[in-house]
Amino acid sequence: MPYVNIKITREGVTPEKKAELIRGATQLLVDVLGKNPATTMVIIDEVDTDNWGVGGESVTARRKQGK
C-alpha cells in the first residue's frame, strides 16, 4: 500500500488543484511502479508559511523581502 505525503505551504490552493495533485501522484505510482491505485494513499499537508523555513528564515519573512 503506497503512501505519498505532499507538503505545501498554506496559500489558497484550491480543492480542484489538490484533487489534481492526488490524481497525478496516484497515476505516477501506477505508471512507474505498477501500484494499484485503489490502495494508494495520498495525503496533502498544508503548512503555514510561518512554520516553513528556508535558508534560516521563515517563508513568510522571505516573501516579505521579495525572495
PDB file of N, CA and C in Angstrom:
ATOM      1  N   MET A   1       0.848  -1.177   0.000  1.00  0.00           N
ATOM      2  CA  MET A   1       0.000   0.000   0.000  1.00  0.00           C
ATOM      3  C   MET A   1       0.897   1.245   0.000  1.00  0.00           C
ATOM      4  N   PRO A   2       1.070   1.900  -1.146  1.00  0.00           N
ATOM      5  CA  PRO A   2       1.887   3.113  -1.206  1.00  0.00           C
ATOM      6  C   PRO A   2       1.248   4.256  -0.423  1.00  0.00           C
ATOM      7  N   TYR A   3       2.111   5.049   0.183  1.00  0.00           N
ATOM      8  CA  TYR A   3       1.688   6.213   0.954  1.00  0.00           C
ATOM      9  C   TYR A   3       2.525   7.391   0.475  1.00  0.00           C
ATOM     10  N   VAL A   4       1.876   8.412  -0.046  1.00  0.00           N
ATOM     11  CA  VAL A   4       2.553   9.612  -0.532  1.00  0.00           C
ATOM     12  C   VAL A   4       2.117  10.775   0.343  1.00  0.00           C
ATOM     13  N   ASN A   5       3.092  11.537   0.844  1.00  0.00           N
ATOM     14  CA  ASN A   5       2.785  12.709   1.659  1.00  0.00           C
ATOM     15  C   ASN A   5       3.314  13.942   0.947  1.00  0.00           C
ATOM     16  N   ILE A   6       2.415  14.806   0.525  1.00  0.00           N
ATOM     17  CA  ILE A   6       2.771  16.048  -0.155  1.00  0.00           C
ATOM     18  C   ILE A   6       2.614  17.184   0.848  1.00  0.00           C
ATOM     19  N   LYS A   7       3.672  17.952   1.023  1.00  0.00           N
ATOM     20  CA  LYS A   7       3.616  19.103   1.928  1.00  0.00           C
ATOM     21  C   LYS A   7       3.729  20.365   1.093  1.00  0.00           C
ATOM     22  N   ILE A   8       2.767  21.260   1.291  1.00  0.00           N
ATOM     23  CA  ILE A   8       2.759  22.533   0.572  1.00  0.00           C
ATOM     24  C   ILE A   8       2.476  23.647   1.576  1.00  0.00           C
ATOM     25  N   THR A   9       2.870  24.863   1.211  1.00  0.00           N
ATOM     26  CA  THR A   9       2.530  25.984   2.083  1.00  0.00           C
ATOM     27  C   THR A   9       1.046  26.303   1.922  1.00  0.00           C
ATOM     28  N   ARG A  10       0.454  26.755   3.008  1.00  0.00           N
ATOM     29  CA  ARG A  10      -0.970  27.084   3.029  1.00  0.00           C
ATOM     30  C   ARG A  10      -1.147  28.470   2.411  1.00  0.00           C
ATOM     31  N   GLU A  11      -1.453  28.465   1.131  1.00  0.00           N
ATOM     32  CA  GLU A  11      -1.590  29.735   0.419  1.00  0.00           C
ATOM     33  C   GLU A  11      -2.723  29.678  -0.595  1.00  0.00           C
ATOM     34  N   GLY A  12      -3.828  29.131  -0.183  1.00  0.00           N
ATOM     35  CA  GLY A  12      -5.014  29.189  -1.030  1.00  0.00           C
ATOM     36  C   GLY A  12      -5.035  28.221  -2.193  1.00  0.00           C
ATOM     37  N   VAL A  13      -4.432  27.045  -2.043  1.00  0.00           N
ATOM     38  CA  VAL A  13      -4.532  26.038  -3.097  1.00  0.00           C
ATOM     39  C   VAL A  13      -5.977  25.553  -3.141  1.00  0.00           C
ATOM     40  N   THR A  14      -6.554  25.576  -4.301  1.00  0.00           N
ATOM     41  CA  THR A  14      -7.972  25.225  -4.436  1.00  0.00           C
ATOM     42  C   THR A  14      -8.192  23.717  -4.270  1.00  0.00           C
ATOM     43  N   PRO A  15      -9.413  23.338  -3.901  1.00  0.00           N
ATOM     44  CA  PRO A  15      -9.734  21.911  -3.836  1.00  0.00           C
ATOM     45  C   PRO A  15      -9.500  21.209  -5.177  1.00  0.00           C
ATOM     46  N   GLU A  16      -9.731  21.924  -6.263  1.00  0.00           N
ATOM     47  CA  GLU A  16      -9.519  21.343  -7.590  1.00  0.00           C
ATOM     48  C   GLU A  16      -8.040  21.037  -7.829  1.00  0.00           C
ATOM     49  N   LYS A  17      -7.163  21.933  -7.414  1.00  0.00           N
ATOM     50  CA  LYS A  17      -5.723  21.713  -7.562  1.00  0.00           C
ATOM     51  C   LYS A  17      -5.247  20.570  -6.670  1.00  0.00           C
ATOM     52  N   LYS A  18      -5.809  20.467  -5.481  1.00  0.00           N
ATOM     53  CA  LYS A  18      -5.457  19.361  -4.588  1.00  0.00           C
ATOM     54  C   LYS A  18      -5.893  18.034  -5.200  1.00  0.00           C
ATOM     55  N   ALA A  19      -7.078  18.002  -5.773  1.00  0.00           N
ATOM     56  CA  ALA A  19      -7.559  16.786  -6.430  1.00  0.00           C
ATOM     57  C   ALA A  19      -6.642  16.408  -7.587  1.00  0.00           C
ATOM     58  N   GLU A  20      -6.155  17.404  -8.305  1.00  0.00           N
ATOM     59  CA  GLU A  20      -5.226  17.161  -9.410  1.00  0.00           C
ATOM     60  C   GLU A  20      -3.912  16.572  -8.897  1.00  0.00           C
ATOM     61  N   LEU A  21      -3.416  17.088  -7.778  1.00  0.00           N
ATOM     62  CA  LEU A  21      -2.208  16.527  -7.165  1.00  0.00           C
ATOM     63  C   LEU A  21      -2.418  15.069  -6.761  1.00  0.00           C
ATOM     64  N   ILE A  22      -3.559  14.789  -6.161  1.00  0.00           N
ATOM     65  CA  ILE A  22      -3.861  13.425  -5.729  1.00  0.00           C
ATOM     66  C   ILE A  22      -3.925  12.478  -6.928  1.00  0.00           C
ATOM     67  N   ARG A  23      -4.628  12.901  -7.968  1.00  0.00           N
ATOM     68  CA  ARG A  23      -4.711  12.070  -9.175  1.00  0.00           C
ATOM     69  C   ARG A  23      -3.336  11.864  -9.800  1.00  0.00           C
ATOM     70  N   GLY A  24      -2.565  12.935  -9.896  1.00  0.00           N
ATOM     71  CA  GLY A  24      -1.255  12.853 -10.529  1.00  0.00           C
ATOM     72  C   GLY A  24      -0.274  11.983  -9.771  1.00  0.00           C
ATOM     73  N   ALA A  25      -0.240  12.118  -8.453  1.00  0.00           N
ATOM     74  CA  ALA A  25       0.667  11.297  -7.644  1.00  0.00           C
ATOM     75  C   ALA A  25       0.270   9.823  -7.719  1.00  0.00           C
ATOM     76  N   THR A  26      -1.023   9.582  -7.690  1.00  0.00           N
ATOM     77  CA  THR A  26      -1.514   8.205  -7.802  1.00  0.00           C
ATOM     78  C   THR A  26      -1.120   7.618  -9.154  1.00  0.00           C
ATOM     79  N   GLN A  27      -1.344   8.367 -10.222  1.00  0.00           N
ATOM     80  CA  GLN A  27      -1.031   7.874 -11.559  1.00  0.00           C
ATOM     81  C   GLN A  27       0.462   7.643 -11.741  1.00  0.00           C
ATOM     82  N   LEU A  28       1.288   8.479 -11.127  1.00  0.00           N
ATOM     83  CA  LEU A  28       2.739   8.299 -11.201  1.00  0.00           C
ATOM     84  C   LEU A  28       3.146   6.949 -10.612  1.00  0.00           C
ATOM     85  N   LEU A  29       2.575   6.596  -9.470  1.00  0.00           N
ATOM     86  CA  LEU A  29       2.895   5.307  -8.856  1.00  0.00           C
ATOM     87  C   LEU A  29       2.372   4.134  -9.694  1.00  0.00           C
ATOM     88  N   VAL A  30       1.252   4.321 -10.342  1.00  0.00           N
ATOM     89  CA  VAL A  30       0.727   3.291 -11.243  1.00  0.00           C
ATOM     90  C   VAL A  30       1.684   3.114 -12.425  1.00  0.00           C
ATOM     91  N   ASP A  31       2.066   4.226 -13.044  1.00  0.00           N
ATOM     92  CA  ASP A  31       2.888   4.183 -14.250  1.00  0.00           C
ATOM     93  C   ASP A  31       4.314   3.697 -13.995  1.00  0.00           C
ATOM     94  N   VAL A  32       4.932   4.173 -12.924  1.00  0.00           N
ATOM     95  CA  VAL A  32       6.341   3.867 -12.673  1.00  0.00           C
ATOM     96  C   VAL A  32       6.532   2.546 -11.933  1.00  0.00           C
ATOM     97  N   LEU A  33       5.680   2.303 -10.935  1.00  0.00           N
ATOM     98  CA  LEU A  33       5.885   1.126 -10.086  1.00  0.00           C
ATOM     99  C   LEU A  33       4.818   0.047 -10.243  1.00  0.00           C
ATOM    100  N   GLY A  34       3.809   0.321 -11.070  1.00  0.00           N
ATOM    101  CA  GLY A  34       2.750  -0.659 -11.261  1.00  0.00           C
ATOM    102  C   GLY A  34       1.862  -0.858 -10.044  1.00  0.00           C
ATOM    103  N   LYS A  35       1.750   0.158  -9.214  1.00  0.00           N
ATOM    104  CA  LYS A  35       0.951   0.053  -7.987  1.00  0.00           C
ATOM    105  C   LYS A  35      -0.545   0.136  -8.284  1.00  0.00           C
ATOM    106  N   ASN A  36      -1.318  -0.453  -7.403  1.00  0.00           N
ATOM    107  CA  ASN A  36      -2.769  -0.451  -7.514  1.00  0.00           C
ATOM    108  C   ASN A  36      -3.303   0.897  -7.021  1.00  0.00           C
ATOM    109  N   PRO A  37      -3.988   1.651  -7.874  1.00  0.00           N
ATOM    110  CA  PRO A  37      -4.497   2.952  -7.431  1.00  0.00           C
ATOM    111  C   PRO A  37      -5.516   2.856  -6.300  1.00  0.00           C
ATOM    112  N   ALA A  38      -6.204   1.730  -6.212  1.00  0.00           N
ATOM    113  CA  ALA A  38      -7.217   1.565  -5.164  1.00  0.00           C
ATOM    114  C   ALA A  38      -6.613   1.477  -3.770  1.00  0.00           C
ATOM    115  N   THR A  39      -5.324   1.146  -3.697  1.00  0.00           N
ATOM    116  CA  THR A  39      -4.681   1.037  -2.381  1.00  0.00           C
ATOM    117  C   THR A  39      -3.589   2.092  -2.191  1.00  0.00           C
ATOM    118  N   THR A  40      -3.537   3.072  -3.074  1.00  0.00           N
ATOM    119  CA  THR A  40      -2.542   4.148  -2.972  1.00  0.00           C
ATOM    120  C   THR A  40      -3.130   5.304  -2.181  1.00  0.00           C
ATOM    121  N   MET A  41      -2.437   5.684  -1.122  1.00  0.00           N
ATOM    122  CA  MET A  41      -2.900   6.777  -0.264  1.00  0.00           C
ATOM    123  C   MET A  41      -2.067   8.029  -0.554  1.00  0.00           C
ATOM    124  N   VAL A  42      -2.731   9.150  -0.740  1.00  0.00           N
ATOM    125  CA  VAL A  42      -2.054  10.430  -0.945  1.00  0.00           C
ATOM    126  C   VAL A  42      -2.600  11.402   0.091  1.00  0.00           C
ATOM    127  N   ILE A  43      -1.686  11.953   0.883  1.00  0.00           N
ATOM    128  CA  ILE A  43      -2.053  12.904   1.931  1.00  0.00           C
ATOM    129  C   ILE A  43      -1.429  14.248   1.581  1.00  0.00           C
ATOM    130  N   ILE A  44      -2.196  15.315   1.673  1.00  0.00           N
ATOM    131  CA  ILE A  44      -1.677  16.662   1.454  1.00  0.00           C
ATOM    132  C   ILE A  44      -1.706  17.392   2.786  1.00  0.00           C
ATOM    133  N   ASP A  45      -0.527  17.814   3.236  1.00  0.00           N
ATOM    134  CA  ASP A  45      -0.411  18.623   4.446  1.00  0.00           C
ATOM    135  C   ASP A  45      -0.133  20.057   4.035  1.00  0.00           C
ATOM    136  N   GLU A  46      -0.946  20.975   4.535  1.00  0.00           N
ATOM    137  CA  GLU A  46      -0.723  22.389   4.282  1.00  0.00           C
ATOM    138  C   GLU A  46      -0.079  23.003   5.526  1.00  0.00           C
ATOM    139  N   VAL A  47       1.035  23.680   5.324  1.00  0.00           N
ATOM    140  CA  VAL A  47       1.821  24.240   6.411  1.00  0.00           C
ATOM    141  C   VAL A  47       1.792  25.767   6.313  1.00  0.00           C
ATOM    142  N   ASP A  48       1.513  26.428   7.425  1.00  0.00           N
ATOM    143  CA  ASP A  48       1.565  27.892   7.436  1.00  0.00           C
ATOM    144  C   ASP A  48       2.970  28.347   7.070  1.00  0.00           C
ATOM    145  N   THR A  49       3.074  29.439   6.337  1.00  0.00           N
ATOM    146  CA  THR A  49       4.391  29.922   5.911  1.00  0.00           C
ATOM    147  C   THR A  49       5.259  30.340   7.092  1.00  0.00           C
ATOM    148  N   ASP A  50       4.651  30.647   8.241  1.00  0.00           N
ATOM    149  CA  ASP A  50       5.432  30.939   9.453  1.00  0.00           C
ATOM    150  C   ASP A  50       6.128  29.679   9.976  1.00  0.00           C
ATOM    151  N   ASN A  51       5.619  28.524   9.611  1.00  0.00           N
ATOM    152  CA  ASN A  51       6.142  27.251  10.101  1.00  0.00           C
ATOM    153  C   ASN A  51       7.007  26.524   9.074  1.00  0.00           C
ATOM    154  N   TRP A  52       7.385  27.205   8.009  1.00  0.00           N
ATOM    155  CA  TRP A  52       8.189  26.601   6.950  1.00  0.00           C
ATOM    156  C   TRP A  52       9.405  27.492   6.756  1.00  0.00           C
ATOM    157  N   GLY A  53      10.573  26.930   6.948  1.00  0.00           N
ATOM    158  CA  GLY A  53      11.786  27.735   6.851  1.00  0.00           C
ATOM    159  C   GLY A  53      12.695  27.308   5.719  1.00  0.00           C
ATOM    160  N   VAL A  54      13.368  28.287   5.130  1.00  0.00           N
ATOM    161  CA  VAL A  54      14.351  28.056   4.072  1.00  0.00           C
ATOM    162  C   VAL A  54      15.509  29.014   4.320  1.00  0.00           C
ATOM    163  N   GLY A  55      16.721  28.507   4.320  1.00  0.00           N
ATOM    164  CA  GLY A  55      17.883  29.378   4.474  1.00  0.00           C
ATOM    165  C   GLY A  55      17.913  30.137   5.788  1.00  0.00           C
ATOM    166  N   GLY A  56      17.358  29.535   6.833  1.00  0.00           N
ATOM    167  CA  GLY A  56      17.383  30.168   8.152  1.00  0.00           C
ATOM    168  C   GLY A  56      16.285  31.186   8.391  1.00  0.00           C
ATOM    169  N   GLU A  57      15.340  31.294   7.472  1.00  0.00           N
ATOM    170  CA  GLU A  57      14.241  32.257   7.618  1.00  0.00           C
ATOM    171  C   GLU A  57      12.920  31.566   7.323  1.00  0.00           C
ATOM    172  N   SER A  58      11.853  32.093   7.902  1.00  0.00           N
ATOM    173  CA  SER A  58      10.536  31.560   7.568  1.00  0.00           C
ATOM    174  C   SER A  58      10.169  32.004   6.154  1.00  0.00           C
ATOM    175  N   VAL A  59       9.310  31.235   5.532  1.00  0.00           N
ATOM    176  CA  VAL A  59       8.847  31.614   4.199  1.00  0.00           C
ATOM    177  C   VAL A  59       8.114  32.949   4.254  1.00  0.00           C
ATOM    178  N   THR A  60       7.387  33.200   5.341  1.00  0.00           N
ATOM    179  CA  THR A  60       6.693  34.487   5.494  1.00  0.00           C
ATOM    180  C   THR A  60       7.685  35.633   5.407  1.00  0.00           C
ATOM    181  N   ALA A  61       8.794  35.553   6.161  1.00  0.00           N
ATOM    182  CA  ALA A  61       9.806  36.612   6.150  1.00  0.00           C
ATOM    183  C   ALA A  61      10.451  36.741   4.771  1.00  0.00           C
ATOM    184  N   ARG A  62      10.750  35.626   4.142  1.00  0.00           N
ATOM    185  CA  ARG A  62      11.369  35.647   2.818  1.00  0.00           C
ATOM    186  C   ARG A  62      10.452  36.306   1.798  1.00  0.00           C
ATOM    187  N   ARG A  63       9.181  36.011   1.884  1.00  0.00           N
ATOM    188  CA  ARG A  63       8.228  36.597   0.922  1.00  0.00           C
ATOM    189  C   ARG A  63       8.126  38.112   1.129  1.00  0.00           C
ATOM    190  N   LYS A  64       8.176  38.555   2.381  1.00  0.00           N
ATOM    191  CA  LYS A  64       8.126  39.992   2.666  1.00  0.00           C
ATOM    192  C   LYS A  64       9.339  40.713   2.078  1.00  0.00           C
ATOM    193  N   GLN A  65      10.470  39.991   2.003  1.00  0.00           N
ATOM    194  CA  GLN A  65      11.702  40.550   1.461  1.00  0.00           C
ATOM    195  C   GLN A  65      11.784  40.381  -0.051  1.00  0.00           C
ATOM    196  N   GLY A  66      10.801  39.743  -0.629  1.00  0.00           N
ATOM    197  CA  GLY A  66      10.785  39.542  -2.062  1.00  0.00           C
ATOM    198  C   GLY A  66      11.658  38.395  -2.553  1.00  0.00           C
ATOM    199  N   LYS A  67      11.989  37.474  -1.655  1.00  0.00           N
ATOM    200  CA  LYS A  67      12.827  36.331  -2.042  1.00  0.00           C
ATOM    201  C   LYS A  67      12.011  35.201  -2.587  1.00  0.00           C
TER     202      LYS A  67
END
